[in-house]
Amino acid sequence: MKNGVYGILKAKYLINDDALKNWRFIVFLIVLAIIMIANTQRFEQKVFEINELNNKVKELRSEFVDRRSELMKLKMESTVSTKMEEKQIFSSTVPPVKIKVKKEEEKSFFNKIWQ
C-alpha cells in the first residue's frame, strides 16, 4: 500500500511503459472538463440574458400601462371639451337629430311590367 501511494505521488504512472494509455485518459478528462466549463459559461450567459429581457418586459409593460391611462384621460369628454374651448369651438346646446333616409324598394322586372 505504501508503494502504491508513493508511486501515485511521484507520478510513476505517467512515465511507465504503458503511460500512453494514461496520457490519453488524462487528455480526455481535460477536454471533458473544458467542455463542461464552456457549457456552464454559456448557460450562465443565457440566464443573464433572460433576466435582462424579463426586466425589459416589465419596464415596457409599466410604460404601456402609463400610456394607456394617459390615453384614457385624453379621451374623456371633459378633456376634449376643454381642449376645444381653447380653440374657440364650443359644444352644442341643441341635441343632435337623427336623420332617417327611406330607401326605395327596387321593383322586380315583373312589377315594372304590370305598372
C-alpha atoms as a PDB file:
ATOM      1  CA  MET A   1       0.000   0.000   0.000  1.00  0.00           C
ATOM      2  CA  LYS A   2       2.867   2.312   0.836  1.00  0.00           C
ATOM      3  CA  ASN A   3       4.432   1.843  -2.582  1.00  0.00           C
ATOM      4  CA  GLY A   4       1.057   2.463  -4.285  1.00  0.00           C
ATOM      5  CA  VAL A   5       0.516   5.855  -2.661  1.00  0.00           C
ATOM      6  CA  TYR A   6       4.187   6.749  -3.062  1.00  0.00           C
ATOM      7  CA  GLY A   7       4.005   5.785  -6.767  1.00  0.00           C
ATOM      8  CA  ILE A   8       0.971   7.982  -7.297  1.00  0.00           C
ATOM      9  CA  LEU A   9       2.643  10.924  -5.555  1.00  0.00           C
ATOM     10  CA  LYS A  10       5.780  10.536  -7.689  1.00  0.00           C
ATOM     11  CA  ALA A  11       3.540  10.133 -10.808  1.00  0.00           C
ATOM     12  CA  LYS A  12       5.248   6.956 -11.925  1.00  0.00           C
ATOM     13  CA  TYR A  13       2.102   6.032 -13.856  1.00  0.00           C
ATOM     14  CA  LEU A  14       2.947   8.848 -16.287  1.00  0.00           C
ATOM     15  CA  ILE A  15       6.438   7.623 -17.144  1.00  0.00           C
ATOM     16  CA  ASN A  16       5.942   3.847 -17.214  1.00  0.00           C
ATOM     17  CA  ASP A  17       5.950   1.784 -20.405  1.00  0.00           C
ATOM     18  CA  ASP A  18       2.146   1.805 -20.670  1.00  0.00           C
ATOM     19  CA  ALA A  19       1.933   5.525 -19.825  1.00  0.00           C
ATOM     20  CA  LEU A  20       0.420   6.351 -23.257  1.00  0.00           C
ATOM     21  CA  LYS A  21      -2.918   4.894 -22.119  1.00  0.00           C
ATOM     22  CA  ASN A  22      -2.825   7.062 -19.017  1.00  0.00           C
ATOM     23  CA  TRP A  23      -1.941  10.191 -21.003  1.00  0.00           C
ATOM     24  CA  ARG A  24      -4.840   9.604 -23.386  1.00  0.00           C
ATOM     25  CA  PHE A  25      -7.236   9.272 -20.464  1.00  0.00           C
ATOM     26  CA  ILE A  26      -5.846  12.426 -18.804  1.00  0.00           C
ATOM     27  CA  VAL A  27      -6.189  14.405 -22.047  1.00  0.00           C
ATOM     28  CA  PHE A  28      -9.745  13.070 -22.405  1.00  0.00           C
ATOM     29  CA  LEU A  29     -10.576  14.229 -18.875  1.00  0.00           C
ATOM     30  CA  ILE A  30      -9.058  17.670 -19.558  1.00  0.00           C
ATOM     31  CA  VAL A  31     -11.056  18.063 -22.788  1.00  0.00           C
ATOM     32  CA  LEU A  32     -14.199  16.938 -20.990  1.00  0.00           C
ATOM     33  CA  ALA A  33     -13.568  19.466 -18.190  1.00  0.00           C
ATOM     34  CA  ILE A  34     -13.054  22.274 -20.741  1.00  0.00           C
ATOM     35  CA  ILE A  35     -16.316  21.345 -22.478  1.00  0.00           C
ATOM     36  CA  MET A  36     -18.160  21.345 -19.155  1.00  0.00           C
ATOM     37  CA  ILE A  37     -16.733  24.747 -18.208  1.00  0.00           C
ATOM     38  CA  ALA A  38     -17.694  26.193 -21.608  1.00  0.00           C
ATOM     39  CA  ASN A  39     -21.197  24.749 -21.305  1.00  0.00           C
ATOM     40  CA  THR A  40     -21.619  26.251 -17.835  1.00  0.00           C
ATOM     41  CA  GLN A  41     -20.408  29.608 -19.124  1.00  0.00           C
ATOM     42  CA  ARG A  42     -22.966  29.580 -21.958  1.00  0.00           C
ATOM     43  CA  PHE A  43     -25.712  28.561 -19.545  1.00  0.00           C
ATOM     44  CA  GLU A  44     -24.900  31.464 -17.230  1.00  0.00           C
ATOM     45  CA  GLN A  45     -24.851  33.885 -20.178  1.00  0.00           C
ATOM     46  CA  LYS A  46     -28.318  32.669 -21.192  1.00  0.00           C
ATOM     47  CA  VAL A  47     -29.582  33.099 -17.627  1.00  0.00           C
ATOM     48  CA  PHE A  48     -28.282  36.679 -17.502  1.00  0.00           C
ATOM     49  CA  GLU A  49     -29.798  37.429 -20.913  1.00  0.00           C
ATOM     50  CA  ILE A  50     -33.182  36.004 -19.858  1.00  0.00           C
ATOM     51  CA  ASN A  51     -33.061  38.050 -16.659  1.00  0.00           C
ATOM     52  CA  GLU A  52     -32.252  41.202 -18.615  1.00  0.00           C
ATOM     53  CA  LEU A  53     -35.091  40.545 -21.075  1.00  0.00           C
ATOM     54  CA  ASN A  54     -37.545  39.941 -18.209  1.00  0.00           C
ATOM     55  CA  ASN A  55     -36.593  43.290 -16.690  1.00  0.00           C
ATOM     56  CA  LYS A  56     -37.071  44.949 -20.072  1.00  0.00           C
ATOM     57  CA  VAL A  57     -40.514  43.335 -20.446  1.00  0.00           C
ATOM     58  CA  LYS A  58     -41.555  44.587 -17.003  1.00  0.00           C
ATOM     59  CA  GLU A  59     -40.369  48.090 -17.883  1.00  0.00           C
ATOM     60  CA  LEU A  60     -42.222  48.082 -21.207  1.00  0.00           C
ATOM     61  CA  ARG A  61     -45.386  46.727 -19.572  1.00  0.00           C
ATOM     62  CA  SER A  62     -45.362  49.508 -16.979  1.00  0.00           C
ATOM     63  CA  GLU A  63     -44.785  52.072 -19.734  1.00  0.00           C
ATOM     64  CA  PHE A  64     -47.728  50.588 -21.639  1.00  0.00           C
ATOM     65  CA  VAL A  65     -49.992  50.891 -18.598  1.00  0.00           C
ATOM     66  CA  ASP A  66     -48.920  54.514 -18.104  1.00  0.00           C
ATOM     67  CA  ARG A  67     -49.595  55.376 -21.744  1.00  0.00           C
ATOM     68  CA  ARG A  68     -52.959  53.609 -21.690  1.00  0.00           C
ATOM     69  CA  SER A  69     -54.100  55.527 -18.601  1.00  0.00           C
ATOM     70  CA  GLU A  70     -52.892  58.772 -20.185  1.00  0.00           C
ATOM     71  CA  LEU A  71     -54.875  57.955 -23.329  1.00  0.00           C
ATOM     72  CA  MET A  72     -57.991  57.222 -21.291  1.00  0.00           C
ATOM     73  CA  LYS A  73     -57.685  60.637 -19.666  1.00  0.00           C
ATOM     74  CA  LEU A  74     -57.264  62.328 -23.035  1.00  0.00           C
ATOM     75  CA  LYS A  75     -60.317  60.539 -24.459  1.00  0.00           C
ATOM     76  CA  MET A  76     -62.623  61.772 -21.714  1.00  0.00           C
ATOM     77  CA  GLU A  77     -65.330  64.179 -22.864  1.00  0.00           C
ATOM     78  CA  SER A  78     -64.354  66.825 -20.338  1.00  0.00           C
ATOM     79  CA  THR A  79     -60.747  66.841 -21.546  1.00  0.00           C
ATOM     80  CA  VAL A  80     -61.808  67.053 -25.172  1.00  0.00           C
ATOM     81  CA  SER A  81     -64.245  69.888 -24.453  1.00  0.00           C
ATOM     82  CA  THR A  82     -61.602  71.935 -22.610  1.00  0.00           C
ATOM     83  CA  LYS A  83     -59.153  71.448 -25.490  1.00  0.00           C
ATOM     84  CA  MET A  84     -61.816  72.552 -27.986  1.00  0.00           C
ATOM     85  CA  GLU A  85     -62.731  75.621 -25.920  1.00  0.00           C
ATOM     86  CA  GLU A  86     -59.119  76.760 -26.200  1.00  0.00           C
ATOM     87  CA  LYS A  87     -59.635  76.797 -29.967  1.00  0.00           C
ATOM     88  CA  GLN A  88     -62.936  78.674 -29.618  1.00  0.00           C
ATOM     89  CA  ILE A  89     -65.050  75.642 -30.501  1.00  0.00           C
ATOM     90  CA  PHE A  90     -67.875  75.095 -28.048  1.00  0.00           C
ATOM     91  CA  SER A  91     -70.161  72.138 -27.515  1.00  0.00           C
ATOM     92  CA  SER A  92     -73.650  72.322 -28.967  1.00  0.00           C
ATOM     93  CA  THR A  93     -76.600  73.186 -26.757  1.00  0.00           C
ATOM     94  CA  VAL A  94     -79.073  71.618 -29.176  1.00  0.00           C
ATOM     95  CA  PRO A  95     -79.141  67.848 -29.110  1.00  0.00           C
ATOM     96  CA  PRO A  96     -78.479  66.093 -32.388  1.00  0.00           C
ATOM     97  CA  VAL A  97     -81.343  64.913 -34.556  1.00  0.00           C
ATOM     98  CA  LYS A  98     -81.275  61.554 -36.221  1.00  0.00           C
ATOM     99  CA  ILE A  99     -81.857  61.646 -39.952  1.00  0.00           C
ATOM    100  CA  LYS A 100     -83.653  58.691 -41.464  1.00  0.00           C
ATOM    101  CA  VAL A 101     -83.330  58.042 -45.162  1.00  0.00           C
ATOM    102  CA  LYS A 102     -86.000  55.880 -46.721  1.00  0.00           C
ATOM    103  CA  LYS A 103     -84.645  53.659 -49.378  1.00  0.00           C
ATOM    104  CA  GLU A 104     -86.959  52.933 -52.247  1.00  0.00           C
ATOM    105  CA  GLU A 105     -87.554  49.334 -52.950  1.00  0.00           C
ATOM    106  CA  GLU A 106     -86.230  48.198 -56.212  1.00  0.00           C
ATOM    107  CA  LYS A 107     -89.035  46.815 -58.208  1.00  0.00           C
ATOM    108  CA  SER A 108     -88.611  43.489 -59.806  1.00  0.00           C
ATOM    109  CA  PHE A 109     -88.864  43.062 -63.517  1.00  0.00           C
ATOM    110  CA  PHE A 110     -92.463  41.725 -63.353  1.00  0.00           C
ATOM    111  CA  ASN A 111     -93.643  44.583 -61.121  1.00  0.00           C
ATOM    112  CA  LYS A 112     -92.308  47.123 -63.598  1.00  0.00           C
ATOM    113  CA  ILE A 113     -94.139  45.455 -66.482  1.00  0.00           C
ATOM    114  CA  TRP A 114     -97.523  45.382 -64.740  1.00  0.00           C
ATOM    115  CA  GLN A 115     -97.481  49.061 -63.840  1.00  0.00           C
END
